N, C-alpha and C. Protein backbone atom coordinates (compact mmCIF):
# COMPACT_ATOMS: atom_id res chain seq x y z
N MET A 1 -4.82 -2.75 5.67
CA MET A 1 -3.45 -2.97 6.07
C MET A 1 -3.39 -2.96 7.59
N GLY A 2 -2.90 -4.05 8.14
CA GLY A 2 -2.82 -4.17 9.59
C GLY A 2 -1.51 -3.64 10.13
N ILE A 3 -1.41 -3.62 11.43
CA ILE A 3 -0.21 -3.12 12.10
C ILE A 3 1.01 -3.97 11.74
N ARG A 4 0.82 -5.27 11.60
CA ARG A 4 1.94 -6.15 11.22
C ARG A 4 2.47 -5.81 9.83
N ASP A 5 1.56 -5.47 8.92
CA ASP A 5 1.98 -5.08 7.57
C ASP A 5 2.79 -3.79 7.60
N ILE A 6 2.37 -2.86 8.42
CA ILE A 6 3.07 -1.59 8.55
C ILE A 6 4.47 -1.82 9.13
N ILE A 7 4.55 -2.63 10.17
CA ILE A 7 5.85 -2.92 10.79
C ILE A 7 6.76 -3.64 9.80
N GLU A 8 6.23 -4.60 9.08
CA GLU A 8 7.03 -5.32 8.09
C GLU A 8 7.49 -4.39 6.97
N GLY A 9 6.63 -3.50 6.54
CA GLY A 9 7.00 -2.53 5.53
C GLY A 9 8.14 -1.62 5.99
N LYS A 10 8.08 -1.20 7.25
CA LYS A 10 9.15 -0.36 7.80
C LYS A 10 10.46 -1.13 7.88
N LYS A 11 10.40 -2.40 8.25
CA LYS A 11 11.62 -3.22 8.30
C LYS A 11 12.23 -3.35 6.92
N GLN A 12 11.39 -3.59 5.94
CA GLN A 12 11.89 -3.73 4.57
C GLN A 12 12.50 -2.42 4.08
N TRP A 13 11.86 -1.30 4.38
CA TRP A 13 12.38 -0.01 3.94
C TRP A 13 13.72 0.28 4.63
N ARG A 14 13.83 -0.01 5.92
CA ARG A 14 15.10 0.22 6.63
C ARG A 14 16.21 -0.65 6.04
N ALA A 15 15.90 -1.88 5.69
CA ALA A 15 16.90 -2.75 5.07
C ALA A 15 17.31 -2.20 3.71
N HIS A 16 16.35 -1.66 2.97
CA HIS A 16 16.63 -1.06 1.67
C HIS A 16 17.55 0.15 1.83
N VAL A 17 17.25 1.01 2.78
CA VAL A 17 18.06 2.20 3.04
C VAL A 17 19.47 1.80 3.45
N ALA A 18 19.61 0.76 4.23
CA ALA A 18 20.94 0.28 4.64
C ALA A 18 21.75 -0.18 3.42
N ARG A 19 21.08 -0.84 2.47
CA ARG A 19 21.77 -1.25 1.25
C ARG A 19 22.22 -0.05 0.44
N VAL A 20 21.38 0.98 0.37
CA VAL A 20 21.74 2.20 -0.36
C VAL A 20 22.95 2.86 0.31
N LYS A 21 22.95 2.94 1.63
CA LYS A 21 24.06 3.56 2.35
C LYS A 21 25.36 2.80 2.16
N ALA A 22 25.29 1.51 1.87
CA ALA A 22 26.49 0.70 1.67
C ALA A 22 27.09 0.87 0.27
N LEU A 23 26.36 1.52 -0.63
CA LEU A 23 26.87 1.74 -1.98
C LEU A 23 28.01 2.76 -1.95
N PRO A 24 28.91 2.71 -2.95
CA PRO A 24 29.94 3.75 -3.04
C PRO A 24 29.29 5.13 -3.19
N PRO A 25 29.99 6.19 -2.79
CA PRO A 25 29.39 7.53 -2.78
C PRO A 25 28.78 7.96 -4.12
N ASP A 26 29.45 7.71 -5.24
CA ASP A 26 28.90 8.16 -6.52
C ASP A 26 27.62 7.40 -6.86
N TYR A 27 27.55 6.13 -6.55
CA TYR A 27 26.33 5.35 -6.77
C TYR A 27 25.21 5.86 -5.87
N ARG A 28 25.55 6.16 -4.63
CA ARG A 28 24.55 6.63 -3.67
C ARG A 28 23.94 7.95 -4.14
N ILE A 29 24.78 8.86 -4.62
CA ILE A 29 24.28 10.16 -5.09
C ILE A 29 23.34 9.97 -6.27
N VAL A 30 23.73 9.15 -7.23
CA VAL A 30 22.89 8.91 -8.41
C VAL A 30 21.59 8.22 -7.99
N TYR A 31 21.67 7.25 -7.09
CA TYR A 31 20.46 6.58 -6.62
C TYR A 31 19.50 7.60 -6.00
N GLN A 32 20.02 8.49 -5.16
CA GLN A 32 19.16 9.48 -4.51
C GLN A 32 18.50 10.41 -5.52
N GLU A 33 19.22 10.77 -6.57
CA GLU A 33 18.63 11.60 -7.62
C GLU A 33 17.55 10.82 -8.37
N MET A 34 17.81 9.56 -8.64
CA MET A 34 16.81 8.72 -9.31
C MET A 34 15.57 8.57 -8.44
N GLN A 35 15.78 8.36 -7.16
CA GLN A 35 14.65 8.20 -6.24
C GLN A 35 13.80 9.47 -6.22
N LYS A 36 14.43 10.64 -6.14
CA LYS A 36 13.67 11.90 -6.16
C LYS A 36 12.84 12.01 -7.43
N TYR A 37 13.48 11.72 -8.56
CA TYR A 37 12.80 11.83 -9.85
C TYR A 37 11.63 10.85 -9.90
N LEU A 38 11.86 9.62 -9.49
CA LEU A 38 10.80 8.61 -9.57
C LEU A 38 9.66 8.91 -8.60
N PHE A 39 9.96 9.48 -7.44
CA PHE A 39 8.90 9.84 -6.52
C PHE A 39 8.02 10.96 -7.09
N LYS A 40 8.59 11.82 -7.94
CA LYS A 40 7.81 12.89 -8.56
C LYS A 40 6.95 12.38 -9.70
N VAL A 41 7.54 11.61 -10.60
CA VAL A 41 6.84 11.24 -11.84
C VAL A 41 6.72 9.75 -12.03
N GLY A 42 7.13 9.01 -11.06
CA GLY A 42 7.26 7.57 -11.22
C GLY A 42 5.97 6.83 -11.44
N PRO A 43 6.10 5.54 -11.63
CA PRO A 43 4.93 4.72 -11.88
C PRO A 43 4.01 4.66 -10.66
N THR A 44 2.77 4.42 -10.93
CA THR A 44 1.79 4.38 -9.84
C THR A 44 2.04 3.21 -8.89
N ASP A 45 2.77 2.19 -9.34
CA ASP A 45 3.07 1.05 -8.48
C ASP A 45 4.47 1.12 -7.88
N LEU A 46 5.06 2.31 -7.83
CA LEU A 46 6.41 2.49 -7.31
C LEU A 46 6.54 1.99 -5.88
N TYR A 47 5.51 2.17 -5.10
CA TYR A 47 5.62 1.89 -3.68
C TYR A 47 5.58 0.41 -3.33
N ASP A 48 5.47 -0.47 -4.33
CA ASP A 48 5.57 -1.89 -4.00
C ASP A 48 7.03 -2.30 -3.78
N GLY A 49 7.96 -1.41 -4.16
CA GLY A 49 9.36 -1.60 -3.85
C GLY A 49 10.20 -2.33 -4.87
N ARG A 50 9.60 -2.95 -5.84
CA ARG A 50 10.37 -3.76 -6.78
C ARG A 50 11.32 -2.93 -7.65
N LEU A 51 10.87 -1.78 -8.11
CA LEU A 51 11.70 -0.95 -8.97
C LEU A 51 12.93 -0.45 -8.23
N LEU A 52 12.74 0.12 -7.05
CA LEU A 52 13.86 0.66 -6.29
C LEU A 52 14.82 -0.45 -5.86
N THR A 53 14.29 -1.59 -5.48
CA THR A 53 15.13 -2.72 -5.10
C THR A 53 15.93 -3.21 -6.30
N GLY A 54 15.31 -3.22 -7.46
CA GLY A 54 16.00 -3.63 -8.68
C GLY A 54 17.14 -2.68 -9.03
N ILE A 55 16.93 -1.39 -8.80
CA ILE A 55 17.99 -0.41 -9.06
C ILE A 55 19.17 -0.66 -8.12
N VAL A 56 18.88 -0.90 -6.85
CA VAL A 56 19.96 -1.17 -5.89
C VAL A 56 20.71 -2.46 -6.29
N ASP A 57 19.98 -3.49 -6.69
CA ASP A 57 20.62 -4.73 -7.15
C ASP A 57 21.57 -4.43 -8.31
N PHE A 58 21.08 -3.69 -9.28
CA PHE A 58 21.86 -3.31 -10.47
C PHE A 58 23.11 -2.52 -10.07
N PHE A 59 22.95 -1.58 -9.16
CA PHE A 59 24.07 -0.77 -8.71
C PHE A 59 25.08 -1.60 -7.91
N GLU A 60 24.61 -2.51 -7.08
CA GLU A 60 25.53 -3.37 -6.33
C GLU A 60 26.37 -4.22 -7.27
N GLU A 61 25.74 -4.75 -8.32
CA GLU A 61 26.48 -5.55 -9.30
C GLU A 61 27.51 -4.69 -10.03
N GLY A 62 27.11 -3.48 -10.43
CA GLY A 62 28.04 -2.58 -11.12
C GLY A 62 29.22 -2.19 -10.24
N ALA A 63 28.95 -1.89 -8.99
CA ALA A 63 30.01 -1.52 -8.06
C ALA A 63 30.96 -2.69 -7.83
N ALA A 64 30.40 -3.89 -7.70
CA ALA A 64 31.22 -5.09 -7.50
C ALA A 64 32.12 -5.36 -8.71
N ALA A 65 31.63 -4.98 -9.89
CA ALA A 65 32.41 -5.17 -11.12
C ALA A 65 33.41 -4.03 -11.32
N GLY A 66 33.40 -3.04 -10.45
CA GLY A 66 34.34 -1.93 -10.53
C GLY A 66 34.00 -0.89 -11.58
N LYS A 67 32.74 -0.85 -11.99
CA LYS A 67 32.32 0.12 -13.00
C LYS A 67 31.89 1.43 -12.36
N ASN A 68 32.09 2.50 -13.10
CA ASN A 68 31.60 3.81 -12.70
C ASN A 68 30.09 3.82 -12.92
N VAL A 69 29.35 4.49 -12.05
CA VAL A 69 27.89 4.50 -12.15
C VAL A 69 27.42 5.06 -13.49
N LEU A 70 28.13 6.06 -14.02
CA LEU A 70 27.70 6.65 -15.29
C LEU A 70 27.96 5.72 -16.47
N GLU A 71 28.86 4.75 -16.31
CA GLU A 71 29.03 3.71 -17.34
C GLU A 71 27.77 2.85 -17.43
N LEU A 72 27.10 2.70 -16.32
CA LEU A 72 25.90 1.85 -16.27
C LEU A 72 24.66 2.55 -16.81
N ILE A 73 24.49 3.82 -16.43
CA ILE A 73 23.23 4.49 -16.76
C ILE A 73 23.34 5.60 -17.79
N GLY A 74 24.56 6.05 -18.08
CA GLY A 74 24.73 7.18 -18.97
C GLY A 74 24.71 8.48 -18.19
N SER A 75 24.83 9.59 -18.89
CA SER A 75 24.95 10.88 -18.20
C SER A 75 23.61 11.54 -17.89
N ASP A 76 22.51 11.03 -18.44
CA ASP A 76 21.20 11.63 -18.21
C ASP A 76 20.35 10.72 -17.33
N VAL A 77 20.32 11.06 -16.06
CA VAL A 77 19.60 10.23 -15.08
C VAL A 77 18.11 10.17 -15.40
N ALA A 78 17.53 11.29 -15.76
CA ALA A 78 16.09 11.33 -16.05
C ALA A 78 15.74 10.42 -17.24
N SER A 79 16.55 10.44 -18.27
CA SER A 79 16.29 9.58 -19.44
C SER A 79 16.38 8.11 -19.06
N PHE A 80 17.36 7.78 -18.22
CA PHE A 80 17.49 6.39 -17.76
C PHE A 80 16.24 5.98 -16.99
N CYS A 81 15.79 6.85 -16.09
CA CYS A 81 14.58 6.56 -15.30
C CYS A 81 13.36 6.42 -16.21
N ASP A 82 13.24 7.33 -17.18
CA ASP A 82 12.12 7.25 -18.11
C ASP A 82 12.11 5.93 -18.85
N GLY A 83 13.30 5.43 -19.19
CA GLY A 83 13.39 4.13 -19.85
C GLY A 83 12.91 3.00 -18.96
N LEU A 84 13.17 3.11 -17.67
CA LEU A 84 12.74 2.08 -16.73
C LEU A 84 11.22 2.02 -16.59
N ILE A 85 10.58 3.18 -16.71
CA ILE A 85 9.13 3.25 -16.44
C ILE A 85 8.32 3.51 -17.70
N LYS A 86 8.91 3.33 -18.87
CA LYS A 86 8.25 3.73 -20.12
C LYS A 86 6.90 3.06 -20.36
N ASP A 87 6.70 1.84 -19.90
CA ASP A 87 5.44 1.13 -20.14
C ASP A 87 4.51 1.12 -18.93
N SER A 88 4.82 1.94 -17.94
CA SER A 88 4.02 1.97 -16.71
C SER A 88 3.19 3.24 -16.64
N PRO A 89 1.99 3.15 -16.09
CA PRO A 89 1.23 4.38 -15.85
C PRO A 89 1.95 5.20 -14.78
N THR A 90 2.05 6.52 -15.00
CA THR A 90 2.81 7.37 -14.09
C THR A 90 1.94 8.47 -13.50
N HIS A 91 2.53 9.20 -12.57
CA HIS A 91 1.85 10.34 -11.95
C HIS A 91 2.06 11.61 -12.76
N ARG A 92 2.84 11.52 -13.81
CA ARG A 92 3.16 12.69 -14.64
C ARG A 92 1.88 13.21 -15.27
N LEU A 93 1.74 14.51 -15.23
CA LEU A 93 0.54 15.14 -15.81
C LEU A 93 0.69 15.33 -17.29
């Protein structure tokens, strides 16, 4: 990985964080809890960014439709996350 890859990765991450900050507060809180959970037990390919970006896309659509975040994912954040990664190898022991 060269310096350009590192710089590009940082730009992408900052853009991702800006999108998360633009979410409504309830969506942002749930996203942060999902992110913590996924960083602990998530799939081994989590760091390619597709999963987290997909969650933000999903949340942006839900917020635009005026839905409550819990209408989208249910009341158990961990179960929702487990469903997202059910077929992926994880760091879980």
